[in-house]
Amino acid sequence: MTETVVAAHLRWLCGWDREPGDPPFDFRAVQGEFCNWEAEDLRLYDDADPEHRVAHSAEEYRSLWEPVFGGLVTAEHRLADGPHALVSGDLAVTRLVFVARLVSTDGTETGLRATSSLTWRHSAAGWRIAWDHTSSVILDAETLAELMNVAP
């Protein structure tokens, strides 16, 4: 079970990557496998959202992030630590740290170092994200370049 949620968290992270020429970002296609689309008791938070909103459903979370990632030309994510996991019964918690380089359509580059903590709930459909807490700090260009070159 531990390997399953660890692998899922890594796939979740890689799913946010974007390259020039990619089709429009489709949250359901990229991240849908990790979501319980019927649940209304989710708590999904990422402090990169300027309004610091907490989404209570996968659809609400999609509506926050699909436009943001649709406005990126490039999104590169590199693992800096983890993932680490604790699994007990039908709940699991995974944590990892990543570095991200985001380039918007106007050429603005943003660097982030973020900690992602996901709480997973198991059902007949498999492991799905129930809670997400992602906290990040903005990196200057020099630090970003250094960390992107070090991280695998």
N, C-alpha and C. Protein backbone atom coordinates (compact mmCIF):
# COMPACT_ATOMS: atom_id res chain seq x y z
N MET A 1 0.81 -1.20 0.00
CA MET A 1 0.00 0.00 0.00
C MET A 1 0.85 1.26 0.00
N THR A 2 1.93 1.26 0.80
CA THR A 2 2.79 2.44 0.86
C THR A 2 3.33 2.79 -0.52
N GLU A 3 3.80 1.76 -1.25
CA GLU A 3 4.35 2.01 -2.58
C GLU A 3 3.30 2.61 -3.51
N THR A 4 2.06 2.18 -3.36
CA THR A 4 0.98 2.66 -4.23
C THR A 4 0.74 4.16 -4.05
N VAL A 5 0.65 4.63 -2.80
CA VAL A 5 0.38 6.05 -2.58
C VAL A 5 1.62 6.90 -2.88
N VAL A 6 2.80 6.36 -2.63
CA VAL A 6 4.03 7.08 -2.98
C VAL A 6 4.10 7.28 -4.49
N ALA A 7 3.84 6.21 -5.24
CA ALA A 7 3.85 6.31 -6.71
C ALA A 7 2.78 7.28 -7.20
N ALA A 8 1.62 7.27 -6.55
CA ALA A 8 0.53 8.18 -6.95
C ALA A 8 0.94 9.63 -6.72
N HIS A 9 1.58 9.91 -5.59
CA HIS A 9 1.99 11.29 -5.32
C HIS A 9 3.02 11.77 -6.35
N LEU A 10 3.93 10.89 -6.74
CA LEU A 10 4.90 11.25 -7.78
C LEU A 10 4.22 11.51 -9.13
N ARG A 11 3.25 10.66 -9.49
CA ARG A 11 2.51 10.87 -10.75
C ARG A 11 1.72 12.18 -10.68
N TRP A 12 1.14 12.46 -9.53
CA TRP A 12 0.41 13.70 -9.31
C TRP A 12 1.33 14.89 -9.57
N LEU A 13 2.55 14.86 -9.01
CA LEU A 13 3.50 15.95 -9.20
C LEU A 13 3.86 16.12 -10.68
N CYS A 14 4.19 15.03 -11.34
CA CYS A 14 4.58 15.09 -12.76
C CYS A 14 3.43 15.54 -13.64
N GLY A 15 2.21 15.30 -13.21
CA GLY A 15 1.05 15.70 -14.00
C GLY A 15 0.91 17.20 -14.19
N TRP A 16 1.54 17.98 -13.32
CA TRP A 16 1.46 19.43 -13.44
C TRP A 16 2.45 19.98 -14.46
N ASP A 17 3.38 19.16 -14.94
CA ASP A 17 4.38 19.63 -15.90
C ASP A 17 3.74 20.04 -17.22
N ARG A 18 4.30 21.09 -17.82
CA ARG A 18 3.84 21.59 -19.12
C ARG A 18 5.07 21.90 -19.96
N GLU A 19 4.95 21.63 -21.25
CA GLU A 19 6.01 21.97 -22.19
C GLU A 19 5.42 22.84 -23.30
N PRO A 20 6.26 23.68 -23.91
CA PRO A 20 5.75 24.49 -25.03
C PRO A 20 5.11 23.59 -26.08
N GLY A 21 3.95 23.99 -26.56
CA GLY A 21 3.25 23.22 -27.58
C GLY A 21 2.29 22.18 -27.04
N ASP A 22 2.26 21.99 -25.71
CA ASP A 22 1.31 21.04 -25.12
C ASP A 22 -0.12 21.49 -25.43
N PRO A 23 -1.06 20.53 -25.51
CA PRO A 23 -2.46 20.93 -25.68
C PRO A 23 -2.93 21.70 -24.44
N PRO A 24 -4.06 22.38 -24.52
CA PRO A 24 -4.58 23.11 -23.36
C PRO A 24 -4.65 22.19 -22.13
N PHE A 25 -4.33 22.77 -20.97
CA PHE A 25 -4.31 21.99 -19.73
C PHE A 25 -5.72 21.52 -19.39
N ASP A 26 -5.88 20.23 -19.23
CA ASP A 26 -7.17 19.60 -18.91
C ASP A 26 -7.01 18.88 -17.58
N PHE A 27 -7.46 19.52 -16.51
CA PHE A 27 -7.27 18.99 -15.16
C PHE A 27 -7.81 17.56 -15.03
N ARG A 28 -9.01 17.33 -15.54
CA ARG A 28 -9.61 15.99 -15.42
C ARG A 28 -8.75 14.93 -16.11
N ALA A 29 -8.22 15.25 -17.28
CA ALA A 29 -7.40 14.29 -18.02
C ALA A 29 -6.08 14.02 -17.31
N VAL A 30 -5.50 15.06 -16.71
CA VAL A 30 -4.17 14.95 -16.12
C VAL A 30 -4.22 14.49 -14.66
N GLN A 31 -5.12 15.04 -13.88
CA GLN A 31 -5.17 14.77 -12.44
C GLN A 31 -6.41 14.00 -12.00
N GLY A 32 -7.30 13.71 -12.93
CA GLY A 32 -8.58 13.09 -12.59
C GLY A 32 -8.49 11.77 -11.86
N GLU A 33 -7.48 10.97 -12.15
CA GLU A 33 -7.36 9.66 -11.50
C GLU A 33 -7.15 9.76 -9.99
N PHE A 34 -6.70 10.92 -9.51
CA PHE A 34 -6.41 11.10 -8.08
C PHE A 34 -7.59 11.69 -7.32
N CYS A 35 -8.66 12.02 -8.03
CA CYS A 35 -9.78 12.75 -7.45
C CYS A 35 -11.02 11.89 -7.26
N ASN A 36 -11.71 12.14 -6.16
CA ASN A 36 -13.05 11.60 -5.97
C ASN A 36 -14.00 12.72 -6.39
N TRP A 37 -14.56 12.60 -7.58
CA TRP A 37 -15.35 13.67 -8.18
C TRP A 37 -16.72 13.82 -7.52
N GLU A 38 -17.13 12.86 -6.71
CA GLU A 38 -18.43 12.96 -6.03
C GLU A 38 -18.31 13.53 -4.62
N ALA A 39 -17.14 13.43 -4.02
CA ALA A 39 -16.96 13.85 -2.63
C ALA A 39 -17.11 15.36 -2.48
N GLU A 40 -17.81 15.76 -1.44
CA GLU A 40 -17.99 17.19 -1.13
C GLU A 40 -17.34 17.55 0.20
N ASP A 41 -16.57 16.61 0.78
CA ASP A 41 -15.95 16.85 2.08
C ASP A 41 -14.44 16.98 1.98
N LEU A 42 -13.95 17.34 0.81
CA LEU A 42 -12.51 17.48 0.60
C LEU A 42 -12.02 18.80 1.17
N ARG A 43 -10.72 18.87 1.44
CA ARG A 43 -10.06 20.11 1.86
C ARG A 43 -8.79 20.19 1.03
N LEU A 44 -8.79 21.07 0.02
CA LEU A 44 -7.70 21.15 -0.94
C LEU A 44 -7.19 22.59 -0.96
N TYR A 45 -5.95 22.76 -0.51
CA TYR A 45 -5.39 24.11 -0.34
C TYR A 45 -3.98 24.18 -0.89
N ASP A 46 -3.70 25.24 -1.61
CA ASP A 46 -2.35 25.53 -2.10
C ASP A 46 -2.15 27.03 -1.94
N ASP A 47 -1.14 27.41 -1.15
CA ASP A 47 -0.98 28.84 -0.88
C ASP A 47 -0.48 29.63 -2.09
N ALA A 48 -0.20 28.94 -3.20
CA ALA A 48 0.13 29.66 -4.44
C ALA A 48 -1.11 30.35 -5.02
N ASP A 49 -2.28 29.95 -4.57
CA ASP A 49 -3.50 30.64 -4.97
C ASP A 49 -3.51 32.02 -4.29
N PRO A 50 -3.49 33.11 -5.07
CA PRO A 50 -3.43 34.44 -4.47
C PRO A 50 -4.57 34.73 -3.49
N GLU A 51 -5.71 34.08 -3.67
CA GLU A 51 -6.84 34.31 -2.78
C GLU A 51 -6.88 33.34 -1.60
N HIS A 52 -5.94 32.41 -1.55
CA HIS A 52 -5.83 31.43 -0.45
C HIS A 52 -7.15 30.72 -0.16
N ARG A 53 -7.79 30.27 -1.23
CA ARG A 53 -9.07 29.57 -1.09
C ARG A 53 -8.84 28.10 -0.75
N VAL A 54 -9.80 27.52 -0.06
CA VAL A 54 -9.83 26.08 0.21
C VAL A 54 -10.95 25.49 -0.63
N ALA A 55 -10.60 24.56 -1.50
CA ALA A 55 -11.62 23.89 -2.32
C ALA A 55 -12.19 22.73 -1.53
N HIS A 56 -13.50 22.52 -1.66
CA HIS A 56 -14.18 21.44 -0.95
C HIS A 56 -14.63 20.31 -1.87
N SER A 57 -14.29 20.42 -3.15
CA SER A 57 -14.60 19.37 -4.11
C SER A 57 -13.53 19.38 -5.19
N ALA A 58 -13.41 18.26 -5.89
CA ALA A 58 -12.44 18.18 -6.98
C ALA A 58 -12.79 19.18 -8.08
N GLU A 59 -14.07 19.36 -8.33
CA GLU A 59 -14.50 20.32 -9.36
C GLU A 59 -14.11 21.74 -8.98
N GLU A 60 -14.26 22.09 -7.73
CA GLU A 60 -13.88 23.42 -7.27
C GLU A 60 -12.36 23.62 -7.41
N TYR A 61 -11.59 22.59 -7.06
CA TYR A 61 -10.13 22.65 -7.19
C TYR A 61 -9.73 22.79 -8.66
N ARG A 62 -10.40 22.04 -9.51
CA ARG A 62 -10.15 22.13 -10.96
C ARG A 62 -10.37 23.56 -11.43
N SER A 63 -11.46 24.17 -10.97
CA SER A 63 -11.79 25.53 -11.43
C SER A 63 -10.75 26.55 -10.97
N LEU A 64 -10.02 26.27 -9.89
CA LEU A 64 -8.97 27.18 -9.43
C LEU A 64 -7.71 27.06 -10.28
N TRP A 65 -7.33 25.84 -10.62
CA TRP A 65 -6.01 25.60 -11.19
C TRP A 65 -5.97 25.39 -12.70
N GLU A 66 -7.06 24.98 -13.30
CA GLU A 66 -7.04 24.78 -14.76
C GLU A 66 -6.71 26.10 -15.49
N PRO A 67 -7.31 27.23 -15.13
CA PRO A 67 -6.95 28.48 -15.82
C PRO A 67 -5.49 28.88 -15.59
N VAL A 68 -4.98 28.66 -14.38
CA VAL A 68 -3.59 29.02 -14.08
C VAL A 68 -2.64 28.22 -14.95
N PHE A 69 -2.80 26.90 -14.96
CA PHE A 69 -1.88 26.06 -15.74
C PHE A 69 -2.15 26.17 -17.23
N GLY A 70 -3.35 26.58 -17.60
CA GLY A 70 -3.63 26.86 -19.01
C GLY A 70 -2.90 28.10 -19.50
N GLY A 71 -2.49 28.97 -18.57
CA GLY A 71 -1.77 30.18 -18.91
C GLY A 71 -0.26 30.04 -18.83
N LEU A 72 0.21 28.81 -18.70
CA LEU A 72 1.66 28.57 -18.63
C LEU A 72 2.17 27.96 -19.92
N VAL A 73 3.33 28.41 -20.33
CA VAL A 73 4.02 27.80 -21.47
C VAL A 73 4.85 26.62 -20.98
N THR A 74 5.45 26.81 -19.81
CA THR A 74 6.31 25.79 -19.23
C THR A 74 6.01 25.66 -17.75
N ALA A 75 5.98 24.43 -17.28
CA ALA A 75 5.92 24.13 -15.84
C ALA A 75 6.81 22.92 -15.63
N GLU A 76 7.91 23.13 -14.94
CA GLU A 76 8.84 22.04 -14.63
C GLU A 76 8.83 21.82 -13.13
N HIS A 77 8.73 20.58 -12.71
CA HIS A 77 8.75 20.24 -11.30
C HIS A 77 9.86 19.23 -11.05
N ARG A 78 10.65 19.47 -10.02
CA ARG A 78 11.73 18.56 -9.65
C ARG A 78 11.56 18.18 -8.19
N LEU A 79 11.71 16.91 -7.92
CA LEU A 79 11.60 16.40 -6.55
C LEU A 79 12.84 16.79 -5.76
N ALA A 80 12.65 17.39 -4.59
CA ALA A 80 13.76 17.79 -3.73
C ALA A 80 13.88 16.89 -2.50
N ASP A 81 12.76 16.31 -2.06
CA ASP A 81 12.77 15.42 -0.90
C ASP A 81 11.52 14.55 -0.94
N GLY A 82 11.71 13.28 -0.57
CA GLY A 82 10.58 12.38 -0.49
C GLY A 82 10.34 11.64 -1.78
N PRO A 83 9.16 11.14 -1.93
CA PRO A 83 8.02 11.24 -1.01
C PRO A 83 8.16 10.30 0.19
N HIS A 84 7.53 10.71 1.25
CA HIS A 84 7.45 9.93 2.48
C HIS A 84 5.98 9.59 2.70
N ALA A 85 5.71 8.43 3.30
CA ALA A 85 4.32 8.01 3.47
C ALA A 85 4.09 7.34 4.81
N LEU A 86 2.89 7.55 5.33
CA LEU A 86 2.36 6.82 6.47
C LEU A 86 1.01 6.27 6.03
N VAL A 87 0.81 4.97 6.23
CA VAL A 87 -0.44 4.34 5.81
C VAL A 87 -1.02 3.59 7.00
N SER A 88 -2.33 3.78 7.23
CA SER A 88 -3.03 3.07 8.29
C SER A 88 -4.47 2.84 7.83
N GLY A 89 -4.80 1.58 7.59
CA GLY A 89 -6.16 1.27 7.16
C GLY A 89 -6.50 1.91 5.84
N ASP A 90 -7.62 2.66 5.83
CA ASP A 90 -8.06 3.28 4.58
C ASP A 90 -7.61 4.74 4.45
N LEU A 91 -6.64 5.16 5.28
CA LEU A 91 -6.08 6.50 5.18
C LEU A 91 -4.57 6.43 5.01
N ALA A 92 -4.04 7.36 4.24
CA ALA A 92 -2.60 7.47 4.05
C ALA A 92 -2.24 8.94 3.93
N VAL A 93 -1.04 9.27 4.37
CA VAL A 93 -0.53 10.63 4.23
C VAL A 93 0.81 10.53 3.51
N THR A 94 0.97 11.36 2.48
CA THR A 94 2.25 11.43 1.78
C THR A 94 2.73 12.87 1.82
N ARG A 95 4.06 13.00 1.80
CA ARG A 95 4.67 14.32 1.84
C ARG A 95 5.88 14.31 0.93
N LEU A 96 6.03 15.39 0.18
CA LEU A 96 7.23 15.57 -0.62
C LEU A 96 7.51 17.06 -0.75
N VAL A 97 8.74 17.36 -1.11
CA VAL A 97 9.16 18.73 -1.37
C VAL A 97 9.59 18.79 -2.83
N PHE A 98 9.14 19.83 -3.52
CA PHE A 98 9.53 19.98 -4.92
C PHE A 98 9.94 21.41 -5.23
N VAL A 99 10.67 21.54 -6.32
CA VAL A 99 11.06 22.83 -6.86
C VAL A 99 10.33 22.96 -8.19
N ALA A 100 9.79 24.14 -8.47
CA ALA A 100 9.04 24.35 -9.71
C ALA A 100 9.54 25.60 -10.43
N ARG A 101 9.61 25.47 -11.73
CA ARG A 101 9.90 26.61 -12.62
C ARG A 101 8.68 26.79 -13.50
N LEU A 102 8.02 27.93 -13.38
CA LEU A 102 6.79 28.21 -14.12
C LEU A 102 7.02 29.41 -15.03
N VAL A 103 6.68 29.25 -16.31
CA VAL A 103 6.84 30.34 -17.27
C VAL A 103 5.47 30.61 -17.90
N SER A 104 4.99 31.85 -17.72
CA SER A 104 3.68 32.22 -18.26
C SER A 104 3.79 32.61 -19.73
N THR A 105 2.65 32.77 -20.36
CA THR A 105 2.62 33.10 -21.79
C THR A 105 3.27 34.44 -22.09
N ASP A 106 3.36 35.34 -21.09
CA ASP A 106 4.03 36.63 -21.32
C ASP A 106 5.52 36.56 -21.03
N GLY A 107 6.03 35.36 -20.71
CA GLY A 107 7.45 35.17 -20.47
C GLY A 107 7.89 35.33 -19.03
N THR A 108 6.99 35.68 -18.15
CA THR A 108 7.33 35.82 -16.73
C THR A 108 7.69 34.46 -16.15
N GLU A 109 8.85 34.41 -15.50
CA GLU A 109 9.30 33.15 -14.88
C GLU A 109 9.17 33.27 -13.37
N THR A 110 8.60 32.24 -12.77
CA THR A 110 8.44 32.18 -11.32
C THR A 110 9.06 30.88 -10.83
N GLY A 111 9.83 30.98 -9.76
CA GLY A 111 10.41 29.80 -9.14
C GLY A 111 9.81 29.58 -7.77
N LEU A 112 9.52 28.33 -7.45
CA LEU A 112 8.93 27.98 -6.16
C LEU A 112 9.64 26.78 -5.55
N ARG A 113 9.71 26.77 -4.24
CA ARG A 113 10.06 25.56 -3.49
C ARG A 113 8.84 25.28 -2.63
N ALA A 114 8.27 24.09 -2.78
CA ALA A 114 6.99 23.80 -2.13
C ALA A 114 7.02 22.48 -1.38
N THR A 115 6.26 22.45 -0.32
CA THR A 115 6.01 21.21 0.42
C THR A 115 4.58 20.80 0.15
N SER A 116 4.42 19.58 -0.33
CA SER A 116 3.10 19.04 -0.65
C SER A 116 2.79 17.91 0.32
N SER A 117 1.70 18.06 1.05
CA SER A 117 1.21 17.02 1.95
C SER A 117 -0.18 16.61 1.48
N LEU A 118 -0.33 15.35 1.13
CA LEU A 118 -1.61 14.83 0.66
C LEU A 118 -2.12 13.77 1.62
N THR A 119 -3.39 13.86 1.96
CA THR A 119 -4.07 12.81 2.72
C THR A 119 -4.94 12.06 1.73
N TRP A 120 -4.75 10.75 1.69
CA TRP A 120 -5.45 9.87 0.75
C TRP A 120 -6.48 9.03 1.50
N ARG A 121 -7.61 8.79 0.85
CA ARG A 121 -8.65 7.92 1.41
C ARG A 121 -8.86 6.77 0.43
N HIS A 122 -8.89 5.55 0.95
CA HIS A 122 -9.05 4.38 0.10
C HIS A 122 -10.51 3.95 0.06
N SER A 123 -10.96 3.60 -1.14
CA SER A 123 -12.31 3.06 -1.34
C SER A 123 -12.22 1.98 -2.41
N ALA A 124 -13.35 1.49 -2.84
CA ALA A 124 -13.37 0.48 -3.90
C ALA A 124 -12.72 1.00 -5.18
N ALA A 125 -12.73 2.32 -5.37
CA ALA A 125 -12.13 2.93 -6.57
C ALA A 125 -10.62 3.08 -6.45
N GLY A 126 -10.07 2.84 -5.25
CA GLY A 126 -8.63 3.00 -5.04
C GLY A 126 -8.34 4.19 -4.15
N TRP A 127 -7.10 4.63 -4.16
CA TRP A 127 -6.67 5.76 -3.34
C TRP A 127 -6.99 7.07 -4.05
N ARG A 128 -7.66 7.97 -3.33
CA ARG A 128 -8.00 9.29 -3.87
C ARG A 128 -7.63 10.36 -2.84
N ILE A 129 -7.26 11.53 -3.32
CA ILE A 129 -6.87 12.62 -2.44
C ILE A 129 -8.11 13.16 -1.71
N ALA A 130 -8.01 13.22 -0.38
CA ALA A 130 -9.07 13.78 0.44
C ALA A 130 -8.70 15.19 0.92
N TRP A 131 -7.44 15.35 1.29
CA TRP A 131 -6.93 16.65 1.72
C TRP A 131 -5.62 16.93 1.02
N ASP A 132 -5.39 18.19 0.71
CA ASP A 132 -4.14 18.65 0.11
C ASP A 132 -3.75 19.93 0.82
N HIS A 133 -2.53 19.97 1.30
CA HIS A 133 -1.98 21.23 1.81
C HIS A 133 -0.61 21.41 1.15
N THR A 134 -0.52 22.43 0.31
CA THR A 134 0.73 22.75 -0.36
C THR A 134 1.12 24.16 0.04
N SER A 135 2.35 24.29 0.57
CA SER A 135 2.88 25.59 0.96
C SER A 135 4.16 25.83 0.18
N SER A 136 4.34 27.06 -0.27
CA SER A 136 5.51 27.35 -1.10
C SER A 136 6.14 28.68 -0.75
N VAL A 137 7.40 28.81 -1.15
CA VAL A 137 8.11 30.09 -1.07
C VAL A 137 8.61 30.40 -2.47
N ILE A 138 8.63 31.68 -2.79
CA ILE A 138 9.13 32.11 -4.10
C ILE A 138 10.65 32.16 -4.04
N LEU A 139 11.27 31.68 -5.11
CA LEU A 139 12.73 31.64 -5.21
C LEU A 139 13.21 32.70 -6.18
N ASP A 140 14.38 33.28 -5.88
CA ASP A 140 14.99 34.18 -6.85
C ASP A 140 15.58 33.33 -7.98
N ALA A 141 15.88 33.97 -9.10
CA ALA A 141 16.32 33.25 -10.31
C ALA A 141 17.58 32.42 -10.07
N GLU A 142 18.52 32.95 -9.31
CA GLU A 142 19.77 32.23 -9.05
C GLU A 142 19.52 30.97 -8.22
N THR A 143 18.74 31.09 -7.17
CA THR A 143 18.43 29.93 -6.33
C THR A 143 17.63 28.90 -7.11
N LEU A 144 16.68 29.37 -7.91
CA LEU A 144 15.90 28.44 -8.73
C LEU A 144 16.80 27.65 -9.66
N ALA A 145 17.69 28.32 -10.38
CA ALA A 145 18.59 27.64 -11.32
C ALA A 145 19.45 26.61 -10.59
N GLU A 146 19.95 26.99 -9.44
CA GLU A 146 20.79 26.09 -8.64
C GLU A 146 20.00 24.85 -8.21
N LEU A 147 18.80 25.04 -7.69
CA LEU A 147 18.00 23.91 -7.21
C LEU A 147 17.50 23.03 -8.36
N MET A 148 17.16 23.62 -9.48
CA MET A 148 16.70 22.83 -10.63
C MET A 148 17.83 21.95 -11.16
N ASN A 149 19.07 22.41 -11.03
CA ASN A 149 20.21 21.63 -11.50
C ASN A 149 20.59 20.52 -10.54
N VAL A 150 20.25 20.68 -9.26
CA VAL A 150 20.60 19.68 -8.25
C VAL A 150 19.54 18.60 -8.13
N ALA A 151 18.28 19.01 -8.17
CA ALA A 151 17.17 18.06 -7.98
C ALA A 151 17.09 17.11 -9.18
N PRO A 152 16.73 15.84 -8.89
CA PRO A 152 16.65 14.85 -9.99
C PRO A 152 15.54 15.15 -10.98
